[in-house]
Amino acid sequence: MVSRAIPATLRPTPRVGLSATSDPVGRWRRSIGLVATRPRPLPPILTVSPGKETTETVQMTSVEVSNGSASGKKNLVMSTVGNSTNIVWHKCPVGKLGRQKLLKQKGCVIWITGLSGSGKSTLACALSRELYSRGHLAYVLDGDNVRHGLNRDLSFTEVDREENIRRIGEVAKLFADAGIICIASLISPYRRDRDACRALLPDSTFIEVFMNIPLEVCEARDPKGLYKLARAGKIKGFTGIDDPYEPPLDSEIVIEPKVGECPPPAAMAEQIISYLNDNGFLQE
């Protein structure tokens, strides 16, 4: 049997630093300058405590191909926000002003706060319906509805209530940035949490609506039977019974009963729409 092995002396010697295997694709990439540059390690980002933000500008190599040529170096701002490190804010060509022009309205957050049973959800739905009938886009973030999904992992402890409000505030901010009128309807009992949500938005785009309905009126209504359960000790930490409600100090809109009767939903909605009109949110 004849051996077909090639003698070692006749085998081609591989070039130093290159694979002996033919790489036509690699040769093509090198011919037009698309060989990826060796990645540069990013500068270390300082560790900060949760809630603090630091930024650092670093130079990144990016390849942009145009007409067969590759080039490009740009500066990126790397941020550390809370526990998220090495993140970059990516800008899109269509901004808030463009979206508002498309919708013919200004994005904002209408934050309805008050005791359970004060009529927050009723007002939110009435307001949404009235805005819709006038050709304006709104979306309601109801406290109970959000707990069915986004905040289903949160309880009603003080810490979880704070996180509940923080998340809804961040979502409401996104809606407002999209040019939508966001109606947030939830008890939000603690003043500091509401103020933190206000601080997320530019001046005048956070509109606080205080349902200033007395506890005895809310408890007499008790639409969900929650006050009865709280009084019987079956619900702990219920706002207004064994957990405090801190009323707003300087709300944009305050809704109060007249002669012991609460205004009808349509009248309350009209009060808010008048405010939106007067302050240019419903621009045509």
C-alpha atoms as a PDB file:
ATOM      1  CA  MET A   1       0.000   0.000   0.000  1.00  0.00           C
ATOM      2  CA  VAL A   2       1.427   3.368  -1.097  1.00  0.00           C
ATOM      3  CA  SER A   3       1.496   6.117   1.541  1.00  0.00           C
ATOM      4  CA  ARG A   4      -0.225   9.378   0.516  1.00  0.00           C
ATOM      5  CA  ALA A   5       1.281  11.446   3.366  1.00  0.00           C
ATOM      6  CA  ILE A   6       3.197  14.566   2.293  1.00  0.00           C
ATOM      7  CA  PRO A   7       6.754  14.627   3.593  1.00  0.00           C
ATOM      8  CA  ALA A   8       7.306  17.214   6.295  1.00  0.00           C
ATOM      9  CA  THR A   9       9.984  18.899   4.220  1.00  0.00           C
ATOM     10  CA  LEU A  10       7.447  19.639   1.441  1.00  0.00           C
ATOM     11  CA  ARG A  11       4.672  21.035   3.664  1.00  0.00           C
ATOM     12  CA  PRO A  12       4.231  24.853   3.480  1.00  0.00           C
ATOM     13  CA  THR A  13       5.392  26.612   6.622  1.00  0.00           C
ATOM     14  CA  PRO A  14       2.623  28.774   8.176  1.00  0.00           C
ATOM     15  CA  ARG A  15       3.393  32.500   8.276  1.00  0.00           C
ATOM     16  CA  VAL A  16       3.984  33.812  11.741  1.00  0.00           C
ATOM     17  CA  GLY A  17       0.860  35.336  13.292  1.00  0.00           C
ATOM     18  CA  LEU A  18      -1.513  34.037  10.618  1.00  0.00           C
ATOM     19  CA  SER A  19      -3.629  30.936  10.371  1.00  0.00           C
ATOM     20  CA  ALA A  20      -2.517  28.426   7.804  1.00  0.00           C
ATOM     21  CA  THR A  21      -6.135  28.136   6.694  1.00  0.00           C
ATOM     22  CA  SER A  22      -7.130  30.259   3.699  1.00  0.00           C
ATOM     23  CA  ASP A  23      -9.347  33.185   4.742  1.00  0.00           C
ATOM     24  CA  PRO A  24     -10.635  35.002   1.645  1.00  0.00           C
ATOM     25  CA  VAL A  25     -13.247  36.835   3.696  1.00  0.00           C
ATOM     26  CA  GLY A  26     -10.603  38.094   6.066  1.00  0.00           C
ATOM     27  CA  ARG A  27      -8.457  39.285   3.134  1.00  0.00           C
ATOM     28  CA  TRP A  28     -11.500  41.160   1.732  1.00  0.00           C
ATOM     29  CA  ARG A  29     -12.163  42.812   5.074  1.00  0.00           C
ATOM     30  CA  ARG A  30      -8.558  43.920   5.333  1.00  0.00           C
ATOM     31  CA  SER A  31      -8.598  45.241   1.767  1.00  0.00           C
ATOM     32  CA  ILE A  32     -11.368  47.769   2.514  1.00  0.00           C
ATOM     33  CA  GLY A  33     -10.225  48.594   6.018  1.00  0.00           C
ATOM     34  CA  LEU A  34     -12.888  46.809   8.038  1.00  0.00           C
ATOM     35  CA  VAL A  35     -10.601  44.947  10.388  1.00  0.00           C
ATOM     36  CA  ALA A  36     -11.998  45.516  13.870  1.00  0.00           C
ATOM     37  CA  THR A  37      -9.685  47.511  16.074  1.00  0.00           C
ATOM     38  CA  ARG A  38      -8.525  45.936  19.294  1.00  0.00           C
ATOM     39  CA  PRO A  39     -11.100  46.887  21.961  1.00  0.00           C
ATOM     40  CA  ARG A  40      -9.847  49.419  24.467  1.00  0.00           C
ATOM     41  CA  PRO A  41     -10.660  48.816  28.110  1.00  0.00           C
ATOM     42  CA  LEU A  42     -13.096  51.368  29.505  1.00  0.00           C
ATOM     43  CA  PRO A  43     -11.963  53.603  32.331  1.00  0.00           C
ATOM     44  CA  PRO A  44     -13.266  52.452  35.691  1.00  0.00           C
ATOM     45  CA  ILE A  45     -16.565  53.939  36.766  1.00  0.00           C
ATOM     46  CA  LEU A  46     -16.742  55.068  40.356  1.00  0.00           C
ATOM     47  CA  THR A  47     -19.084  53.127  42.601  1.00  0.00           C
ATOM     48  CA  VAL A  48     -21.740  55.364  44.108  1.00  0.00           C
ATOM     49  CA  SER A  49     -24.533  54.879  46.529  1.00  0.00           C
ATOM     50  CA  PRO A  50     -28.010  54.091  45.186  1.00  0.00           C
ATOM     51  CA  GLY A  51     -29.849  57.128  43.897  1.00  0.00           C
ATOM     52  CA  LYS A  52     -26.657  59.045  43.039  1.00  0.00           C
ATOM     53  CA  GLU A  53     -25.471  59.546  39.478  1.00  0.00           C
ATOM     54  CA  THR A  54     -21.989  60.075  38.091  1.00  0.00           C
ATOM     55  CA  THR A  55     -20.984  60.588  34.492  1.00  0.00           C
ATOM     56  CA  GLU A  56     -17.667  60.236  32.701  1.00  0.00           C
ATOM     57  CA  THR A  57     -16.839  60.960  29.064  1.00  0.00           C
ATOM     58  CA  VAL A  58     -14.813  58.221  27.375  1.00  0.00           C
ATOM     59  CA  GLN A  59     -13.633  57.792  23.796  1.00  0.00           C
ATOM     60  CA  MET A  60     -15.008  54.754  22.043  1.00  0.00           C
ATOM     61  CA  THR A  61     -13.966  53.398  18.640  1.00  0.00           C
ATOM     62  CA  SER A  62     -16.938  52.836  16.398  1.00  0.00           C
ATOM     63  CA  VAL A  63     -16.893  51.646  12.791  1.00  0.00           C
ATOM     64  CA  GLU A  64     -19.219  53.449  10.402  1.00  0.00           C
ATOM     65  CA  VAL A  65     -19.151  52.154   6.844  1.00  0.00           C
ATOM     66  CA  SER A  66     -19.973  54.607   4.073  1.00  0.00           C
ATOM     67  CA  ASN A  67     -19.116  54.015   0.417  1.00  0.00           C
ATOM     68  CA  GLY A  68     -16.726  51.247   1.320  1.00  0.00           C
ATOM     69  CA  SER A  69     -14.709  53.228   3.852  1.00  0.00           C
ATOM     70  CA  ALA A  70     -14.659  52.773   7.592  1.00  0.00           C
ATOM     71  CA  SER A  71     -14.018  55.504  10.087  1.00  0.00           C
ATOM     72  CA  GLY A  72     -15.218  57.102  13.247  1.00  0.00           C
ATOM     73  CA  LYS A  73     -14.314  57.864  16.826  1.00  0.00           C
ATOM     74  CA  LYS A  74     -16.767  59.544  19.133  1.00  0.00           C
ATOM     75  CA  ASN A  75     -17.097  60.517  22.752  1.00  0.00           C
ATOM     76  CA  LEU A  76     -19.777  58.805  24.816  1.00  0.00           C
ATOM     77  CA  VAL A  77     -20.954  59.755  28.282  1.00  0.00           C
ATOM     78  CA  MET A  78     -20.871  56.686  30.483  1.00  0.00           C
ATOM     79  CA  SER A  79     -23.080  56.890  33.557  1.00  0.00           C
ATOM     80  CA  THR A  80     -23.574  55.113  36.834  1.00  0.00           C
ATOM     81  CA  VAL A  81     -27.131  55.395  38.144  1.00  0.00           C
ATOM     82  CA  GLY A  82     -27.974  53.499  41.303  1.00  0.00           C
ATOM     83  CA  ASN A  83     -26.791  49.932  40.741  1.00  0.00           C
ATOM     84  CA  SER A  84     -26.582  50.302  36.943  1.00  0.00           C
ATOM     85  CA  THR A  85     -23.044  50.922  35.714  1.00  0.00           C
ATOM     86  CA  ASN A  86     -21.474  51.674  32.317  1.00  0.00           C
ATOM     87  CA  ILE A  87     -24.747  52.817  30.733  1.00  0.00           C
ATOM     88  CA  VAL A  88     -25.119  55.338  27.912  1.00  0.00           C
ATOM     89  CA  TRP A  89     -28.128  57.537  27.124  1.00  0.00           C
ATOM     90  CA  HIS A  90     -29.113  56.963  23.496  1.00  0.00           C
ATOM     91  CA  LYS A  91     -30.753  59.909  21.768  1.00  0.00           C
ATOM     92  CA  CYS A  92     -33.371  59.447  19.052  1.00  0.00           C
ATOM     93  CA  PRO A  93     -34.012  61.906  16.211  1.00  0.00           C
ATOM     94  CA  VAL A  94     -37.685  62.483  17.117  1.00  0.00           C
ATOM     95  CA  GLY A  95     -37.933  64.376  20.386  1.00  0.00           C
ATOM     96  CA  LYS A  96     -40.629  65.504  22.777  1.00  0.00           C
ATOM     97  CA  LEU A  97     -41.451  68.684  20.849  1.00  0.00           C
ATOM     98  CA  GLY A  98     -41.973  66.708  17.649  1.00  0.00           C
ATOM     99  CA  ARG A  99     -44.303  64.259  19.370  1.00  0.00           C
ATOM    100  CA  GLN A 100     -46.286  67.083  20.950  1.00  0.00           C
ATOM    101  CA  LYS A 101     -46.660  68.764  17.567  1.00  0.00           C
ATOM    102  CA  LEU A 102     -47.952  65.504  16.116  1.00  0.00           C
ATOM    103  CA  LEU A 103     -50.517  65.080  18.913  1.00  0.00           C
ATOM    104  CA  LYS A 104     -51.384  68.795  19.114  1.00  0.00           C
ATOM    105  CA  GLN A 105     -51.049  68.801  22.884  1.00  0.00           C
ATOM    106  CA  LYS A 106     -48.368  69.062  25.560  1.00  0.00           C
ATOM    107  CA  GLY A 107     -47.389  66.027  27.582  1.00  0.00           C
ATOM    108  CA  CYS A 108     -47.904  66.313  31.323  1.00  0.00           C
ATOM    109  CA  VAL A 109     -48.728  64.304  34.445  1.00  0.00           C
ATOM    110  CA  ILE A 110     -51.981  64.873  36.305  1.00  0.00           C
ATOM    111  CA  TRP A 111     -51.367  63.294  39.708  1.00  0.00           C
ATOM    112  CA  ILE A 112     -54.637  62.662  41.573  1.00  0.00           C
ATOM    113  CA  THR A 113     -54.086  61.946  45.272  1.00  0.00           C
ATOM    114  CA  GLY A 114     -56.468  61.412  48.166  1.00  0.00           C
ATOM    115  CA  LEU A 115     -57.903  58.885  50.589  1.00  0.00           C
ATOM    116  CA  SER A 116     -59.394  55.602  49.477  1.00  0.00           C
ATOM    117  CA  GLY A 117     -62.984  56.264  48.438  1.00  0.00           C
ATOM    118  CA  SER A 118     -62.409  59.941  47.659  1.00  0.00           C
ATOM    119  CA  GLY A 119     -63.251  59.458  43.980  1.00  0.00           C
ATOM    120  CA  LYS A 120     -59.789  59.418  42.394  1.00  0.00           C
ATOM    121  CA  SER A 121     -60.456  56.610  39.899  1.00  0.00           C
ATOM    122  CA  THR A 122     -63.891  57.995  39.063  1.00  0.00           C
ATOM    123  CA  LEU A 123     -62.362  61.384  38.291  1.00  0.00           C
ATOM    124  CA  ALA A 124     -59.510  59.855  36.292  1.00  0.00           C
ATOM    125  CA  CYS A 125     -61.890  57.945  34.033  1.00  0.00           C
ATOM    126  CA  ALA A 126     -64.208  60.931  33.600  1.00  0.00           C
ATOM    127  CA  LEU A 127     -61.272  63.161  32.707  1.00  0.00           C
ATOM    128  CA  SER A 128     -59.864  60.627  30.247  1.00  0.00           C
ATOM    129  CA  ARG A 129     -63.249  60.268  28.559  1.00  0.00           C
ATOM    130  CA  GLU A 130     -63.745  64.027  28.295  1.00  0.00           C
ATOM    131  CA  LEU A 131     -60.264  64.588  26.843  1.00  0.00           C
ATOM    132  CA  TYR A 132     -60.869  61.783  24.333  1.00  0.00           C
ATOM    133  CA  SER A 133     -64.143  63.357  23.234  1.00  0.00           C
ATOM    134  CA  ARG A 134     -62.230  66.581  22.511  1.00  0.00           C
ATOM    135  CA  GLY A 135     -59.553  64.845  20.472  1.00  0.00           C
ATOM    136  CA  HIS A 136     -56.793  64.603  23.094  1.00  0.00           C
ATOM    137  CA  LEU A 137     -54.812  61.496  23.993  1.00  0.00           C
ATOM    138  CA  ALA A 138     -54.590  60.561  27.665  1.00  0.00           C
ATOM    139  CA  TYR A 139     -53.711  57.412  29.588  1.00  0.00           C
ATOM    140  CA  VAL A 140     -54.741  56.475  33.128  1.00  0.00           C
ATOM    141  CA  LEU A 141     -52.290  54.842  35.533  1.00  0.00           C
ATOM    142  CA  ASP A 142     -54.634  53.584  38.241  1.00  0.00           C
ATOM    143  CA  GLY A 143     -53.005  52.471  41.487  1.00  0.00           C
ATOM    144  CA  ASP A 144     -54.806  49.119  41.691  1.00  0.00           C
ATOM    145  CA  ASN A 145     -54.393  48.431  37.966  1.00  0.00           C
ATOM    146  CA  VAL A 146     -50.630  48.935  38.104  1.00  0.00           C
ATOM    147  CA  ARG A 147     -50.400  46.508  41.009  1.00  0.00           C
ATOM    148  CA  HIS A 148     -51.871  43.822  38.726  1.00  0.00           C
ATOM    149  CA  GLY A 149     -48.704  43.899  36.620  1.00  0.00           C
ATOM    150  CA  LEU A 150     -45.728  46.231  36.972  1.00  0.00           C
ATOM    151  CA  ASN A 151     -45.943  46.438  40.774  1.00  0.00           C
ATOM    152  CA  ARG A 152     -47.396  43.024  41.554  1.00  0.00           C
ATOM    153  CA  ASP A 153     -44.296  42.212  43.622  1.00  0.00           C
ATOM    154  CA  LEU A 154     -44.917  45.068  46.075  1.00  0.00           C
ATOM    155  CA  SER A 155     -46.899  45.022  49.315  1.00  0.00           C
ATOM    156  CA  PHE A 156     -48.330  47.915  51.324  1.00  0.00           C
ATOM    157  CA  THR A 157     -45.442  48.430  53.729  1.00  0.00           C
ATOM    158  CA  GLU A 158     -43.972  51.918  53.851  1.00  0.00           C
ATOM    159  CA  VAL A 159     -40.895  50.809  51.883  1.00  0.00           C
ATOM    160  CA  ASP A 160     -42.952  49.088  49.186  1.00  0.00           C
ATOM    161  CA  ARG A 161     -45.350  52.006  48.952  1.00  0.00           C
ATOM    162  CA  GLU A 162     -42.390  54.280  48.330  1.00  0.00           C
ATOM    163  CA  GLU A 163     -41.146  51.975  45.545  1.00  0.00           C
ATOM    164  CA  ASN A 164     -44.684  51.731  44.139  1.00  0.00           C
ATOM    165  CA  ILE A 165     -44.871  55.517  43.787  1.00  0.00           C
ATOM    166  CA  ARG A 166     -41.334  55.763  42.405  1.00  0.00           C
ATOM    167  CA  ARG A 167     -42.064  53.270  39.615  1.00  0.00           C
ATOM    168  CA  ILE A 168     -45.343  54.911  38.678  1.00  0.00           C
ATOM    169  CA  GLY A 169     -43.616  58.301  38.684  1.00  0.00           C
ATOM    170  CA  GLU A 170     -40.982  57.037  36.257  1.00  0.00           C
ATOM    171  CA  VAL A 171     -43.616  55.512  33.962  1.00  0.00           C
ATOM    172  CA  ALA A 172     -45.691  58.707  34.090  1.00  0.00           C
ATOM    173  CA  LYS A 173     -42.592  60.672  33.128  1.00  0.00           C
ATOM    174  CA  LEU A 174     -42.183  58.500  30.018  1.00  0.00           C
ATOM    175  CA  PHE A 175     -45.815  59.062  29.027  1.00  0.00           C
ATOM    176  CA  ALA A 176     -45.389  62.830  29.400  1.00  0.00           C
ATOM    177  CA  ASP A 177     -42.202  62.710  27.336  1.00  0.00           C
ATOM    178  CA  ALA A 178     -44.187  60.889  24.633  1.00  0.00           C
ATOM    179  CA  GLY A 179     -46.541  63.892  24.515  1.00  0.00           C
ATOM    180  CA  ILE A 180     -49.383  62.078  26.261  1.00  0.00           C
ATOM    181  CA  ILE A 181     -51.469  63.473  29.110  1.00  0.00           C
ATOM    182  CA  CYS A 182     -50.822  60.902  31.854  1.00  0.00           C
ATOM    183  CA  ILE A 183     -53.414  60.683  34.613  1.00  0.00           C
ATOM    184  CA  ALA A 184     -51.960  58.963  37.693  1.00  0.00           C
ATOM    185  CA  SER A 185     -54.671  58.021  40.179  1.00  0.00           C
ATOM    186  CA  LEU A 186     -53.484  56.565  43.482  1.00  0.00           C
ATOM    187  CA  ILE A 187     -53.544  57.307  47.200  1.00  0.00           C
ATOM    188  CA  SER A 188     -49.802  58.152  47.345  1.00  0.00           C
ATOM    189  CA  PRO A 189     -50.058  58.953  51.063  1.00  0.00           C
ATOM    190  CA  TYR A 190     -46.580  60.330  51.708  1.00  0.00           C
ATOM    191  CA  ARG A 191     -45.719  63.892  50.746  1.00  0.00           C
ATOM    192  CA  ARG A 192     -42.057  63.172  50.112  1.00  0.00           C
ATOM    193  CA  ASP A 193     -42.880  60.493  47.528  1.00  0.00           C
ATOM    194  CA  ARG A 194     -45.218  62.806  45.606  1.00  0.00           C
ATOM    195  CA  ASP A 195     -42.601  65.553  45.711  1.00  0.00           C
ATOM    196  CA  ALA A 196     -40.007  63.110  44.351  1.00  0.00           C
ATOM    197  CA  CYS A 197     -42.287  62.397  41.372  1.00  0.00           C
ATOM    198  CA  ARG A 198     -42.768  66.113  40.804  1.00  0.00           C
ATOM    199  CA  ALA A 199     -38.995  66.537  40.739  1.00  0.00           C
ATOM    200  CA  LEU A 200     -38.755  64.042  37.859  1.00  0.00           C
ATOM    201  CA  LEU A 201     -40.586  66.367  35.486  1.00  0.00           C
ATOM    202  CA  PRO A 202     -39.851  69.845  34.148  1.00  0.00           C
ATOM    203  CA  ASP A 203     -41.490  72.785  35.872  1.00  0.00           C
ATOM    204  CA  SER A 204     -45.259  73.060  35.456  1.00  0.00           C
ATOM    205  CA  THR A 205     -45.744  69.662  33.776  1.00  0.00           C
ATOM    206  CA  PHE A 206     -46.584  67.925  37.075  1.00  0.00           C
ATOM    207  CA  ILE A 207     -50.122  68.895  38.058  1.00  0.00           C
ATOM    208  CA  GLU A 208     -51.154  67.718  41.503  1.00  0.00           C
ATOM    209  CA  VAL A 209     -54.890  67.280  42.093  1.00  0.00           C
ATOM    210  CA  PHE A 210     -55.853  66.876  45.745  1.00  0.00           C
ATOM    211  CA  MET A 211     -59.153  65.148  46.429  1.00  0.00           C
ATOM    212  CA  ASN A 212     -59.807  66.917  49.716  1.00  0.00           C
ATOM    213  CA  ILE A 213     -62.660  64.688  50.814  1.00  0.00           C
ATOM    214  CA  PRO A 214     -63.004  64.149  54.583  1.00  0.00           C
ATOM    215  CA  LEU A 215     -62.313  60.712  56.032  1.00  0.00           C
ATOM    216  CA  GLU A 216     -65.879  60.329  57.319  1.00  0.00           C
ATOM    217  CA  VAL A 217     -67.248  60.876  53.807  1.00  0.00           C
ATOM    218  CA  CYS A 218     -64.823  58.373  52.281  1.00  0.00           C
ATOM    219  CA  GLU A 219     -65.582  55.830  54.992  1.00  0.00           C
ATOM    220  CA  ALA A 220     -69.313  56.273  54.544  1.00  0.00           C
ATOM    221  CA  ARG A 221     -68.901  55.541  50.850  1.00  0.00           C
ATOM    222  CA  ASP A 222     -66.484  52.608  51.326  1.00  0.00           C
ATOM    223  CA  PRO A 223     -67.006  51.365  47.725  1.00  0.00           C
ATOM    224  CA  LYS A 224     -64.631  48.405  48.151  1.00  0.00           C
ATOM    225  CA  GLY A 225     -65.499  47.578  51.763  1.00  0.00           C
ATOM    226  CA  LEU A 226     -61.906  48.252  52.790  1.00  0.00           C
ATOM    227  CA  TYR A 227     -62.671  50.624  55.652  1.00  0.00           C
ATOM    228  CA  LYS A 228     -64.922  48.016  57.219  1.00  0.00           C
ATOM    229  CA  LEU A 229     -62.146  45.425  57.003  1.00  0.00           C
ATOM    230  CA  ALA A 230     -59.606  47.900  58.408  1.00  0.00           C
ATOM    231  CA  ARG A 231     -61.846  48.784  61.349  1.00  0.00           C
ATOM    232  CA  ALA A 232     -62.236  45.066  62.061  1.00  0.00           C
ATOM    233  CA  GLY A 233     -58.446  44.665  62.104  1.00  0.00           C
ATOM    234  CA  LYS A 234     -58.422  42.457  59.008  1.00  0.00           C
ATOM    235  CA  ILE A 235     -56.342  44.955  57.012  1.00  0.00           C
ATOM    236  CA  LYS A 236     -53.238  46.411  58.634  1.00  0.00           C
ATOM    237  CA  GLY A 237     -51.588  49.676  57.654  1.00  0.00           C
ATOM    238  CA  PHE A 238     -54.674  51.079  55.944  1.00  0.00           C
ATOM    239  CA  THR A 239     -54.329  54.764  55.047  1.00  0.00           C
ATOM    240  CA  GLY A 240     -56.515  56.980  57.204  1.00  0.00           C
ATOM    241  CA  ILE A 241     -57.109  54.310  59.855  1.00  0.00           C
ATOM    242  CA  ASP A 242     -53.789  53.009  61.187  1.00  0.00           C
ATOM    243  CA  ASP A 243     -51.453  54.573  58.620  1.00  0.00           C
ATOM    244  CA  PRO A 244     -51.135  58.320  57.972  1.00  0.00           C
ATOM    245  CA  TYR A 245     -52.127  60.355  54.947  1.00  0.00           C
ATOM    246  CA  GLU A 246     -50.088  63.525  54.456  1.00  0.00           C
ATOM    247  CA  PRO A 247     -52.206  66.041  52.510  1.00  0.00           C
ATOM    248  CA  PRO A 248     -50.494  68.218  49.882  1.00  0.00           C
ATOM    249  CA  LEU A 249     -49.437  71.682  50.955  1.00  0.00           C
ATOM    250  CA  ASP A 250     -49.610  73.490  47.625  1.00  0.00           C
ATOM    251  CA  SER A 251     -51.526  71.531  44.969  1.00  0.00           C
ATOM    252  CA  GLU A 252     -52.308  73.067  41.598  1.00  0.00           C
ATOM    253  CA  ILE A 253     -55.933  71.909  41.880  1.00  0.00           C
ATOM    254  CA  VAL A 254     -57.977  71.140  45.000  1.00  0.00           C
ATOM    255  CA  ILE A 255     -61.371  69.441  44.734  1.00  0.00           C
ATOM    256  CA  GLU A 256     -63.634  69.786  47.772  1.00  0.00           C
ATOM    257  CA  PRO A 257     -67.238  68.932  48.587  1.00  0.00           C
ATOM    258  CA  LYS A 258     -69.792  71.699  48.407  1.00  0.00           C
ATOM    259  CA  VAL A 259     -72.522  71.787  51.046  1.00  0.00           C
ATOM    260  CA  GLY A 260     -71.465  68.297  52.097  1.00  0.00           C
ATOM    261  CA  GLU A 261     -71.805  66.910  48.569  1.00  0.00           C
ATOM    262  CA  CYS A 262     -68.961  66.029  46.240  1.00  0.00           C
ATOM    263  CA  PRO A 263     -69.084  67.588  42.766  1.00  0.00           C
ATOM    264  CA  PRO A 264     -70.214  65.231  39.976  1.00  0.00           C
ATOM    265  CA  PRO A 265     -67.410  63.607  37.941  1.00  0.00           C
ATOM    266  CA  ALA A 266     -68.101  65.725  34.844  1.00  0.00           C
ATOM    267  CA  ALA A 267     -67.786  68.937  36.868  1.00  0.00           C
ATOM    268  CA  MET A 268     -64.505  67.806  38.429  1.00  0.00           C
ATOM    269  CA  ALA A 269     -63.139  66.824  35.014  1.00  0.00           C
ATOM    270  CA  GLU A 270     -64.130  70.219  33.621  1.00  0.00           C
ATOM    271  CA  GLN A 271     -62.222  71.943  36.431  1.00  0.00           C
ATOM    272  CA  ILE A 272     -59.032  70.150  35.386  1.00  0.00           C
ATOM    273  CA  ILE A 273     -59.614  70.717  31.666  1.00  0.00           C
ATOM    274  CA  SER A 274     -60.009  74.448  32.351  1.00  0.00           C
ATOM    275  CA  TYR A 275     -56.606  74.397  34.043  1.00  0.00           C
ATOM    276  CA  LEU A 276     -55.061  72.553  31.077  1.00  0.00           C
ATOM    277  CA  ASN A 277     -56.562  75.045  28.629  1.00  0.00           C
ATOM    278  CA  ASP A 278     -55.471  78.059  30.624  1.00  0.00           C
ATOM    279  CA  ASN A 279     -51.890  76.769  30.824  1.00  0.00           C
ATOM    280  CA  GLY A 280     -51.495  75.799  27.173  1.00  0.00           C
ATOM    281  CA  PHE A 281     -51.505  72.004  27.467  1.00  0.00           C
ATOM    282  CA  LEU A 282     -54.358  71.563  25.002  1.00  0.00           C
ATOM    283  CA  GLN A 283     -52.818  73.559  22.188  1.00  0.00           C
ATOM    284  CA  GLU A 284     -54.345  73.282  18.729  1.00  0.00           C
END
